[in-house]
Amino acid sequence: MTETRGRFRETGVIHVWHGRVPDQVPSSDLAVLSEDELRVTSSRSGVRAAHYAGVHAAVRRVLGHQYLGVPAEAVRFGRHACPRCADPAHGRPRIEQPVTALDFSLSRSGPYWLLAVTAGEQVGVDIERHTAGPVAETVLTEDELDRVRRAERPEERRHLFLRAWTRKEAVLKACGVGIVAELCALDTSPADAGPVTVEYGEPGLAGRWHVQDLALAPGIVGALAQDAGRVRLVVSRQVPDSAWHVASLVGTC
C-alpha cells in the first residue's frame, strides 16, 4: 500500500478527479472490472453499458495506481453498514482490499464522473448534467422552492435546482444514507454561491457539512461535502491519461 507514498493522511487534503468516458467499451476496461461489475455491464446495453464500465474502470485505475499501489483489478469494494438501519447493502462504499484508511465518494451522470478521495474522514460528491426536464419540486424545501420560482429565466431556475440537488446528494452520500432520506427537509441555500454550511438533522445522524460547488465541464454541475468541523483543502489531481481531465474548483476552503 502506498497511499501516495504513505503521506496522504498527513497532508490533510481531499483530492478531486473528474472525467468523461467513451460511448463504447474498450476491452481494456472490461479486463479490470469485478464479476459483479461485469454482470451489471452485461445487463445494460449500448452507451449505458459503456458508461458504467468506463467509469468503474477509471475509478479502479485512479485508486489502484495513484493511491494503493496495486493493479486496478486488485481493488475490491464493499460497503459500510447504513448508519440508519445497519444494512450493509446500501451504506457508503468502501475499499475492502487492500486494507486502507482511504475514504472515497463516486458520482456519475451519463459519461461524466466525479471522484473524491481522502483519508480518515467521510466525504461525499455528486455530479449532474444540465439536461432538459422539469424541476422536481418534491425534493426542495419551501425556501429553496421559493428561490427557484423567483428566478426569471428557465435556465436560471434549472441551475438553482441542480445546485440544490447536487449539494443535497453530496451531503447524504457523506452521511452514508443516500437519497432514501427526506430531501425536502435538507436546506442547501441554492441562492448562495457558497461554500455553504448545511445541517443534517436526522436523529442519530445530525451533523454540519461544509459544501462547495465544483466548476466542471460546461453544462455539468458538481458538489463536494466534507465535515464542517474539520474543513480540508481540496486539491485537483491530474490523471495520467489524456482521455481524462481533472476538475477545477470554485472558491476556496
C-alpha atoms as a PDB file:
ATOM      1  CA  MET A   1       0.000   0.000   0.000  1.00  0.00           C
ATOM      2  CA  THR A   2       1.383   3.391  -0.970  1.00  0.00           C
ATOM      3  CA  GLU A   3      -1.436   5.915  -0.494  1.00  0.00           C
ATOM      4  CA  THR A   4       0.668   8.427  -2.440  1.00  0.00           C
ATOM      5  CA  ARG A   5       3.934   7.314  -0.824  1.00  0.00           C
ATOM      6  CA  GLY A   6       2.355   6.954   2.618  1.00  0.00           C
ATOM      7  CA  ARG A   7       1.870  10.674   3.263  1.00  0.00           C
ATOM      8  CA  PHE A   8      -1.721  11.166   2.132  1.00  0.00           C
ATOM      9  CA  ARG A   9      -3.259  11.089   5.619  1.00  0.00           C
ATOM     10  CA  GLU A  10      -0.775  13.676   6.907  1.00  0.00           C
ATOM     11  CA  THR A  11      -1.411  16.118   4.077  1.00  0.00           C
ATOM     12  CA  GLY A  12      -4.971  16.748   5.258  1.00  0.00           C
ATOM     13  CA  VAL A  13      -6.407  17.228   1.769  1.00  0.00           C
ATOM     14  CA  ILE A  14      -9.203  15.955  -0.431  1.00  0.00           C
ATOM     15  CA  HIS A  15      -8.304  15.021  -3.986  1.00  0.00           C
ATOM     16  CA  VAL A  16     -10.983  15.547  -6.624  1.00  0.00           C
ATOM     17  CA  TRP A  17     -10.907  13.792 -10.004  1.00  0.00           C
ATOM     18  CA  HIS A  18     -13.263  14.300 -12.908  1.00  0.00           C
ATOM     19  CA  GLY A  19     -13.537  12.799 -16.368  1.00  0.00           C
ATOM     20  CA  ARG A  20     -15.613  11.624 -19.282  1.00  0.00           C
ATOM     21  CA  VAL A  21     -15.648   8.056 -20.572  1.00  0.00           C
ATOM     22  CA  PRO A  22     -16.261   6.971 -24.200  1.00  0.00           C
ATOM     23  CA  ASP A  23     -19.550   5.679 -25.572  1.00  0.00           C
ATOM     24  CA  GLN A  24     -18.052   2.290 -26.396  1.00  0.00           C
ATOM     25  CA  VAL A  25     -16.456  -0.222 -24.032  1.00  0.00           C
ATOM     26  CA  PRO A  26     -12.781  -0.961 -24.746  1.00  0.00           C
ATOM     27  CA  SER A  27     -11.644  -4.460 -23.801  1.00  0.00           C
ATOM     28  CA  SER A  28      -9.044  -2.909 -21.501  1.00  0.00           C
ATOM     29  CA  ASP A  29     -11.862  -1.561 -19.307  1.00  0.00           C
ATOM     30  CA  LEU A  30     -13.653  -4.903 -19.093  1.00  0.00           C
ATOM     31  CA  ALA A  31     -10.391  -6.577 -18.098  1.00  0.00           C
ATOM     32  CA  VAL A  32     -10.164  -4.668 -14.796  1.00  0.00           C
ATOM     33  CA  LEU A  33     -13.793  -4.999 -13.630  1.00  0.00           C
ATOM     34  CA  SER A  34     -15.006  -7.364 -10.923  1.00  0.00           C
ATOM     35  CA  GLU A  35     -17.502 -10.149 -11.622  1.00  0.00           C
ATOM     36  CA  ASP A  36     -20.297  -8.056 -10.121  1.00  0.00           C
ATOM     37  CA  GLU A  37     -19.367  -5.065 -12.281  1.00  0.00           C
ATOM     38  CA  LEU A  38     -19.257  -7.261 -15.374  1.00  0.00           C
ATOM     39  CA  ARG A  39     -22.733  -8.599 -14.547  1.00  0.00           C
ATOM     40  CA  VAL A  40     -24.109  -5.090 -14.277  1.00  0.00           C
ATOM     41  CA  THR A  41     -22.423  -4.126 -17.547  1.00  0.00           C
ATOM     42  CA  SER A  42     -23.887  -7.135 -19.357  1.00  0.00           C
ATOM     43  CA  SER A  43     -27.365  -6.330 -18.027  1.00  0.00           C
ATOM     44  CA  ARG A  44     -27.270  -2.972 -19.813  1.00  0.00           C
ATOM     45  CA  SER A  45     -26.992  -2.128 -23.479  1.00  0.00           C
ATOM     46  CA  GLY A  46     -25.291   0.410 -25.731  1.00  0.00           C
ATOM     47  CA  VAL A  47     -23.935   3.577 -24.170  1.00  0.00           C
ATOM     48  CA  ARG A  48     -25.410   2.752 -20.749  1.00  0.00           C
ATOM     49  CA  ALA A  49     -23.178  -0.307 -20.535  1.00  0.00           C
ATOM     50  CA  ALA A  50     -20.178   1.606 -21.883  1.00  0.00           C
ATOM     51  CA  HIS A  51     -20.583   4.452 -19.411  1.00  0.00           C
ATOM     52  CA  TYR A  52     -20.993   2.145 -16.416  1.00  0.00           C
ATOM     53  CA  ALA A  53     -17.981   0.038 -17.337  1.00  0.00           C
ATOM     54  CA  GLY A  54     -15.834   3.023 -18.283  1.00  0.00           C
ATOM     55  CA  VAL A  55     -16.481   4.918 -15.070  1.00  0.00           C
ATOM     56  CA  HIS A  56     -15.807   1.933 -12.815  1.00  0.00           C
ATOM     57  CA  ALA A  57     -12.636   1.092 -14.715  1.00  0.00           C
ATOM     58  CA  ALA A  58     -11.437   4.702 -14.435  1.00  0.00           C
ATOM     59  CA  VAL A  59     -12.065   4.801 -10.699  1.00  0.00           C
ATOM     60  CA  ARG A  60     -10.271   1.485 -10.212  1.00  0.00           C
ATOM     61  CA  ARG A  61      -7.231   2.851 -12.057  1.00  0.00           C
ATOM     62  CA  VAL A  62      -7.160   6.067 -10.035  1.00  0.00           C
ATOM     63  CA  LEU A  63      -7.457   4.295  -6.677  1.00  0.00           C
ATOM     64  CA  GLY A  64      -5.200   1.385  -7.538  1.00  0.00           C
ATOM     65  CA  HIS A  65      -2.443   3.204  -9.396  1.00  0.00           C
ATOM     66  CA  GLN A  66      -2.387   6.564  -7.654  1.00  0.00           C
ATOM     67  CA  TYR A  67      -3.066   5.630  -4.016  1.00  0.00           C
ATOM     68  CA  LEU A  68      -2.915   1.927  -3.256  1.00  0.00           C
ATOM     69  CA  GLY A  69      -0.017   0.745  -5.385  1.00  0.00           C
ATOM     70  CA  VAL A  70      -1.927  -2.236  -6.813  1.00  0.00           C
ATOM     71  CA  PRO A  71      -3.326  -3.112 -10.251  1.00  0.00           C
ATOM     72  CA  ALA A  72      -6.778  -1.737 -10.953  1.00  0.00           C
ATOM     73  CA  GLU A  73      -8.314  -5.209 -10.977  1.00  0.00           C
ATOM     74  CA  ALA A  74      -6.911  -5.949  -7.496  1.00  0.00           C
ATOM     75  CA  VAL A  75      -9.047  -3.293  -5.780  1.00  0.00           C
ATOM     76  CA  ARG A  76     -12.015  -4.904  -4.027  1.00  0.00           C
ATOM     77  CA  PHE A  77     -15.006  -2.834  -2.954  1.00  0.00           C
ATOM     78  CA  GLY A  78     -17.621  -3.313  -0.255  1.00  0.00           C
ATOM     79  CA  ARG A  79     -19.951  -1.120   1.776  1.00  0.00           C
ATOM     80  CA  HIS A  80     -20.151   0.277   5.259  1.00  0.00           C
ATOM     81  CA  ALA A  81     -23.299  -0.545   7.182  1.00  0.00           C
ATOM     82  CA  CYS A  82     -26.037   2.025   6.711  1.00  0.00           C
ATOM     83  CA  PRO A  83     -25.929   4.342   9.766  1.00  0.00           C
ATOM     84  CA  ARG A  84     -29.739   4.423   9.808  1.00  0.00           C
ATOM     85  CA  CYS A  85     -30.637   0.720   9.604  1.00  0.00           C
ATOM     86  CA  ALA A  86     -27.249  -1.096   9.767  1.00  0.00           C
ATOM     87  CA  ASP A  87     -27.936  -2.780   6.415  1.00  0.00           C
ATOM     88  CA  PRO A  88     -24.593  -3.171   4.565  1.00  0.00           C
ATOM     89  CA  ALA A  89     -26.381  -3.390   1.207  1.00  0.00           C
ATOM     90  CA  HIS A  90     -26.779   0.366   0.829  1.00  0.00           C
ATOM     91  CA  GLY A  91     -24.220   2.036   3.077  1.00  0.00           C
ATOM     92  CA  ARG A  92     -21.299   4.165   1.908  1.00  0.00           C
ATOM     93  CA  PRO A  93     -18.919   2.355  -0.458  1.00  0.00           C
ATOM     94  CA  ARG A  94     -15.539   1.390   0.938  1.00  0.00           C
ATOM     95  CA  ILE A  95     -12.324  -0.279  -0.169  1.00  0.00           C
ATOM     96  CA  GLU A  96     -12.083  -3.792   1.286  1.00  0.00           C
ATOM     97  CA  GLN A  97      -8.778  -4.775  -0.295  1.00  0.00           C
ATOM     98  CA  PRO A  98      -6.087  -3.725   0.057  1.00  0.00           C
ATOM     99  CA  VAL A  99      -6.628  -2.596   3.649  1.00  0.00           C
ATOM    100  CA  THR A 100      -6.542   1.192   3.733  1.00  0.00           C
ATOM    101  CA  ALA A 101      -7.707   4.275   5.635  1.00  0.00           C
ATOM    102  CA  LEU A 102      -8.838   5.912   2.398  1.00  0.00           C
ATOM    103  CA  ASP A 103     -12.388   7.156   2.067  1.00  0.00           C
ATOM    104  CA  PHE A 104     -13.873   7.952  -1.310  1.00  0.00           C
ATOM    105  CA  SER A 105     -17.107   9.051  -2.952  1.00  0.00           C
ATOM    106  CA  LEU A 106     -18.109   8.486  -6.563  1.00  0.00           C
ATOM    107  CA  SER A 107     -20.850  10.035  -8.666  1.00  0.00           C
ATOM    108  CA  ARG A 108     -21.749   9.545 -12.317  1.00  0.00           C
ATOM    109  CA  SER A 109     -24.091  11.278 -14.757  1.00  0.00           C
ATOM    110  CA  GLY A 110     -24.069   9.584 -18.149  1.00  0.00           C
ATOM    111  CA  PRO A 111     -20.442   9.512 -19.336  1.00  0.00           C
ATOM    112  CA  TYR A 112     -19.242  12.056 -16.742  1.00  0.00           C
ATOM    113  CA  TRP A 113     -17.792  11.008 -13.398  1.00  0.00           C
ATOM    114  CA  LEU A 114     -16.610  12.714 -10.237  1.00  0.00           C
ATOM    115  CA  LEU A 115     -14.432  11.121  -7.565  1.00  0.00           C
ATOM    116  CA  ALA A 116     -13.266  12.483  -4.207  1.00  0.00           C
ATOM    117  CA  VAL A 117     -10.530  10.718  -2.232  1.00  0.00           C
ATOM    118  CA  THR A 118      -9.317  11.472   1.278  1.00  0.00           C
ATOM    119  CA  ALA A 119      -8.053   9.624   4.368  1.00  0.00           C
ATOM    120  CA  GLY A 120      -9.690   9.183   7.749  1.00  0.00           C
ATOM    121  CA  GLU A 121     -12.727  11.361   7.000  1.00  0.00           C
ATOM    122  CA  GLN A 122     -16.121  10.939   5.348  1.00  0.00           C
ATOM    123  CA  VAL A 123     -16.675  12.791   2.101  1.00  0.00           C
ATOM    124  CA  GLY A 124     -19.471  12.983  -0.483  1.00  0.00           C
ATOM    125  CA  VAL A 125     -19.752  14.184  -4.090  1.00  0.00           C
ATOM    126  CA  ASP A 126     -22.467  14.475  -6.706  1.00  0.00           C
ATOM    127  CA  ILE A 127     -22.443  15.376 -10.397  1.00  0.00           C
ATOM    128  CA  GLU A 128     -25.386  16.167 -12.690  1.00  0.00           C
ATOM    129  CA  ARG A 129     -25.849  17.367 -16.255  1.00  0.00           C
ATOM    130  CA  HIS A 130     -27.959  20.323 -17.426  1.00  0.00           C
ATOM    131  CA  THR A 131     -30.381  18.032 -19.238  1.00  0.00           C
ATOM    132  CA  ALA A 132     -33.867  19.196 -20.146  1.00  0.00           C
ATOM    133  CA  GLY A 133     -36.641  18.383 -17.711  1.00  0.00           C
ATOM    134  CA  PRO A 134     -38.917  19.874 -15.055  1.00  0.00           C
ATOM    135  CA  VAL A 135     -37.744  20.974 -11.641  1.00  0.00           C
ATOM    136  CA  ALA A 136     -38.627  18.249  -9.126  1.00  0.00           C
ATOM    137  CA  GLU A 137     -40.495  20.323  -6.555  1.00  0.00           C
ATOM    138  CA  THR A 138     -40.865  17.418  -4.136  1.00  0.00           C
ATOM    139  CA  VAL A 139     -37.138  17.419  -3.290  1.00  0.00           C
ATOM    140  CA  LEU A 140     -36.870  21.118  -2.374  1.00  0.00           C
ATOM    141  CA  THR A 141     -37.567  22.876   0.904  1.00  0.00           C
ATOM    142  CA  GLU A 142     -40.104  25.693   0.862  1.00  0.00           C
ATOM    143  CA  ASP A 143     -37.311  28.295   0.920  1.00  0.00           C
ATOM    144  CA  GLU A 144     -35.445  26.556  -1.911  1.00  0.00           C
ATOM    145  CA  LEU A 145     -38.592  26.254  -3.979  1.00  0.00           C
ATOM    146  CA  ASP A 146     -39.413  29.926  -3.450  1.00  0.00           C
ATOM    147  CA  ARG A 147     -35.949  30.978  -4.619  1.00  0.00           C
ATOM    148  CA  VAL A 148     -36.136  28.769  -7.703  1.00  0.00           C
ATOM    149  CA  ARG A 149     -39.607  30.046  -8.630  1.00  0.00           C
ATOM    150  CA  ARG A 150     -38.459  33.680  -8.354  1.00  0.00           C
ATOM    151  CA  ALA A 151     -35.742  33.159 -10.953  1.00  0.00           C
ATOM    152  CA  GLU A 152     -36.697  34.946 -14.177  1.00  0.00           C
ATOM    153  CA  ARG A 153     -35.145  32.645 -16.790  1.00  0.00           C
ATOM    154  CA  PRO A 154     -35.777  28.909 -17.191  1.00  0.00           C
ATOM    155  CA  GLU A 155     -32.054  28.205 -17.382  1.00  0.00           C
ATOM    156  CA  GLU A 156     -31.501  30.047 -14.084  1.00  0.00           C
ATOM    157  CA  ARG A 157     -34.267  28.046 -12.438  1.00  0.00           C
ATOM    158  CA  ARG A 158     -32.693  24.841 -13.725  1.00  0.00           C
ATOM    159  CA  HIS A 159     -29.245  25.884 -12.478  1.00  0.00           C
ATOM    160  CA  LEU A 160     -30.544  26.706  -8.993  1.00  0.00           C
ATOM    161  CA  PHE A 161     -32.377  23.410  -8.821  1.00  0.00           C
ATOM    162  CA  LEU A 162     -29.268  21.450  -9.847  1.00  0.00           C
ATOM    163  CA  ARG A 163     -27.156  23.367  -7.339  1.00  0.00           C
ATOM    164  CA  ALA A 164     -29.595  22.392  -4.581  1.00  0.00           C
ATOM    165  CA  TRP A 165     -29.849  18.802  -5.829  1.00  0.00           C
ATOM    166  CA  THR A 166     -26.098  18.169  -6.040  1.00  0.00           C
ATOM    167  CA  ARG A 167     -25.488  19.728  -2.635  1.00  0.00           C
ATOM    168  CA  LYS A 168     -28.175  17.515  -1.081  1.00  0.00           C
ATOM    169  CA  GLU A 169     -26.800  14.387  -2.712  1.00  0.00           C
ATOM    170  CA  ALA A 170     -23.241  15.209  -1.664  1.00  0.00           C
ATOM    171  CA  VAL A 171     -24.263  15.645   1.982  1.00  0.00           C
ATOM    172  CA  LEU A 172     -26.336  12.476   2.072  1.00  0.00           C
ATOM    173  CA  LYS A 173     -23.550  10.460   0.443  1.00  0.00           C
ATOM    174  CA  ALA A 174     -21.111  11.791   3.041  1.00  0.00           C
ATOM    175  CA  CYS A 175     -23.546  10.805   5.807  1.00  0.00           C
ATOM    176  CA  GLY A 176     -23.981   7.369   4.268  1.00  0.00           C
ATOM    177  CA  VAL A 177     -27.774   7.281   3.942  1.00  0.00           C
ATOM    178  CA  GLY A 178     -28.153   8.257   0.279  1.00  0.00           C
ATOM    179  CA  ILE A 179     -31.350   9.622  -1.220  1.00  0.00           C
ATOM    180  CA  VAL A 180     -33.575   7.413   0.908  1.00  0.00           C
ATOM    181  CA  ALA A 181     -33.525  10.424   3.230  1.00  0.00           C
ATOM    182  CA  GLU A 182     -36.098  13.206   3.021  1.00  0.00           C
ATOM    183  CA  LEU A 183     -34.533  15.578   0.507  1.00  0.00           C
ATOM    184  CA  CYS A 184     -37.214  18.193   1.059  1.00  0.00           C
ATOM    185  CA  ALA A 185     -36.098  18.549   4.694  1.00  0.00           C
ATOM    186  CA  LEU A 186     -32.494  19.423   3.822  1.00  0.00           C
ATOM    187  CA  ASP A 187     -31.923  23.101   3.007  1.00  0.00           C
ATOM    188  CA  THR A 188     -28.834  23.879   0.907  1.00  0.00           C
ATOM    189  CA  SER A 189     -29.181  27.664   0.282  1.00  0.00           C
ATOM    190  CA  PRO A 190     -29.014  27.447  -3.550  1.00  0.00           C
ATOM    191  CA  ALA A 191     -29.139  31.243  -3.878  1.00  0.00           C
ATOM    192  CA  ASP A 192     -25.756  31.400  -2.117  1.00  0.00           C
ATOM    193  CA  ALA A 193     -22.785  30.735  -4.408  1.00  0.00           C
ATOM    194  CA  GLY A 194     -21.049  29.120  -1.455  1.00  0.00           C
ATOM    195  CA  PRO A 195     -19.296  27.407   0.062  1.00  0.00           C
ATOM    196  CA  VAL A 196     -22.199  26.861   2.452  1.00  0.00           C
ATOM    197  CA  THR A 197     -22.701  25.035   5.726  1.00  0.00           C
ATOM    198  CA  VAL A 198     -25.527  22.502   5.557  1.00  0.00           C
ATOM    199  CA  GLU A 199     -27.007  20.991   8.700  1.00  0.00           C
ATOM    200  CA  TYR A 200     -28.387  17.470   8.577  1.00  0.00           C
ATOM    201  CA  GLY A 201     -30.790  16.932  11.438  1.00  0.00           C
ATOM    202  CA  GLU A 202     -31.976  13.329  11.280  1.00  0.00           C
ATOM    203  CA  PRO A 203     -31.892  11.774  14.777  1.00  0.00           C
ATOM    204  CA  GLY A 204     -28.646   9.910  15.311  1.00  0.00           C
ATOM    205  CA  LEU A 205     -27.120  11.343  12.150  1.00  0.00           C
ATOM    206  CA  ALA A 206     -27.112  15.055  12.887  1.00  0.00           C
ATOM    207  CA  GLY A 207     -24.103  16.953  11.644  1.00  0.00           C
ATOM    208  CA  ARG A 208     -22.772  20.055   9.931  1.00  0.00           C
ATOM    209  CA  TRP A 209     -21.281  19.767   6.463  1.00  0.00           C
ATOM    210  CA  HIS A 210     -19.120  22.182   4.518  1.00  0.00           C
ATOM    211  CA  VAL A 211     -20.398  22.069   0.929  1.00  0.00           C
ATOM    212  CA  GLN A 212     -18.791  23.681  -2.101  1.00  0.00           C
ATOM    213  CA  ASP A 213     -19.762  23.715  -5.749  1.00  0.00           C
ATOM    214  CA  LEU A 214     -17.303  22.398  -8.304  1.00  0.00           C
ATOM    215  CA  ALA A 215     -16.686  24.007 -11.694  1.00  0.00           C
ATOM    216  CA  LEU A 216     -16.634  21.111 -14.138  1.00  0.00           C
ATOM    217  CA  ALA A 217     -17.228  20.920 -17.891  1.00  0.00           C
ATOM    218  CA  PRO A 218     -19.801  23.280 -19.481  1.00  0.00           C
ATOM    219  CA  GLY A 219     -23.296  22.091 -18.647  1.00  0.00           C
ATOM    220  CA  ILE A 220     -22.084  19.973 -15.711  1.00  0.00           C
ATOM    221  CA  VAL A 221     -22.808  20.765 -12.058  1.00  0.00           C
ATOM    222  CA  GLY A 222     -20.938  19.192  -9.143  1.00  0.00           C
ATOM    223  CA  ALA A 223     -20.751  19.499  -5.356  1.00  0.00           C
ATOM    224  CA  LEU A 224     -18.467  18.244  -2.590  1.00  0.00           C
ATOM    225  CA  ALA A 225     -19.417  17.788   1.088  1.00  0.00           C
ATOM    226  CA  GLN A 226     -16.999  17.360   3.983  1.00  0.00           C
ATOM    227  CA  ASP A 227     -17.179  17.618   7.774  1.00  0.00           C
ATOM    228  CA  ALA A 228     -17.639  21.292   8.691  1.00  0.00           C
ATOM    229  CA  GLY A 229     -15.712  20.733  11.907  1.00  0.00           C
ATOM    230  CA  ARG A 230     -12.531  19.876  10.037  1.00  0.00           C
ATOM    231  CA  VAL A 231     -12.504  21.546   6.647  1.00  0.00           C
ATOM    232  CA  ARG A 232      -9.773  20.205   4.393  1.00  0.00           C
ATOM    233  CA  LEU A 233      -8.110  21.818   1.424  1.00  0.00           C
ATOM    234  CA  VAL A 234      -9.434  20.499  -1.895  1.00  0.00           C
ATOM    235  CA  VAL A 235      -6.762  19.732  -4.485  1.00  0.00           C
ATOM    236  CA  SER A 236      -7.211  18.692  -8.107  1.00  0.00           C
ATOM    237  CA  ARG A 237      -5.161  15.741  -9.293  1.00  0.00           C
ATOM    238  CA  GLN A 238      -4.022  15.024 -12.854  1.00  0.00           C
ATOM    239  CA  VAL A 239      -4.952  11.612 -14.261  1.00  0.00           C
ATOM    240  CA  PRO A 240      -2.028  10.183 -16.297  1.00  0.00           C
ATOM    241  CA  ASP A 241      -4.159   9.602 -19.382  1.00  0.00           C
ATOM    242  CA  SER A 242      -5.051  12.273 -21.922  1.00  0.00           C
ATOM    243  CA  ALA A 243      -8.565  10.827 -22.206  1.00  0.00           C
ATOM    244  CA  TRP A 244      -9.348  12.079 -18.705  1.00  0.00           C
ATOM    245  CA  HIS A 245      -9.246  15.517 -17.165  1.00  0.00           C
ATOM    246  CA  VAL A 246      -9.370  16.963 -13.690  1.00  0.00           C
ATOM    247  CA  ALA A 247     -11.892  19.288 -12.119  1.00  0.00           C
ATOM    248  CA  SER A 248     -11.038  22.903 -11.484  1.00  0.00           C
ATOM    249  CA  LEU A 249     -12.693  24.220  -8.340  1.00  0.00           C
ATOM    250  CA  VAL A 250     -14.841  27.190  -7.482  1.00  0.00           C
ATOM    251  CA  GLY A 251     -13.989  29.036  -4.278  1.00  0.00           C
ATOM    252  CA  THR A 252     -11.511  28.135  -1.569  1.00  0.00           C
ATOM    253  CA  CYS A 253     -11.767  26.214   1.653  1.00  0.00           C
END
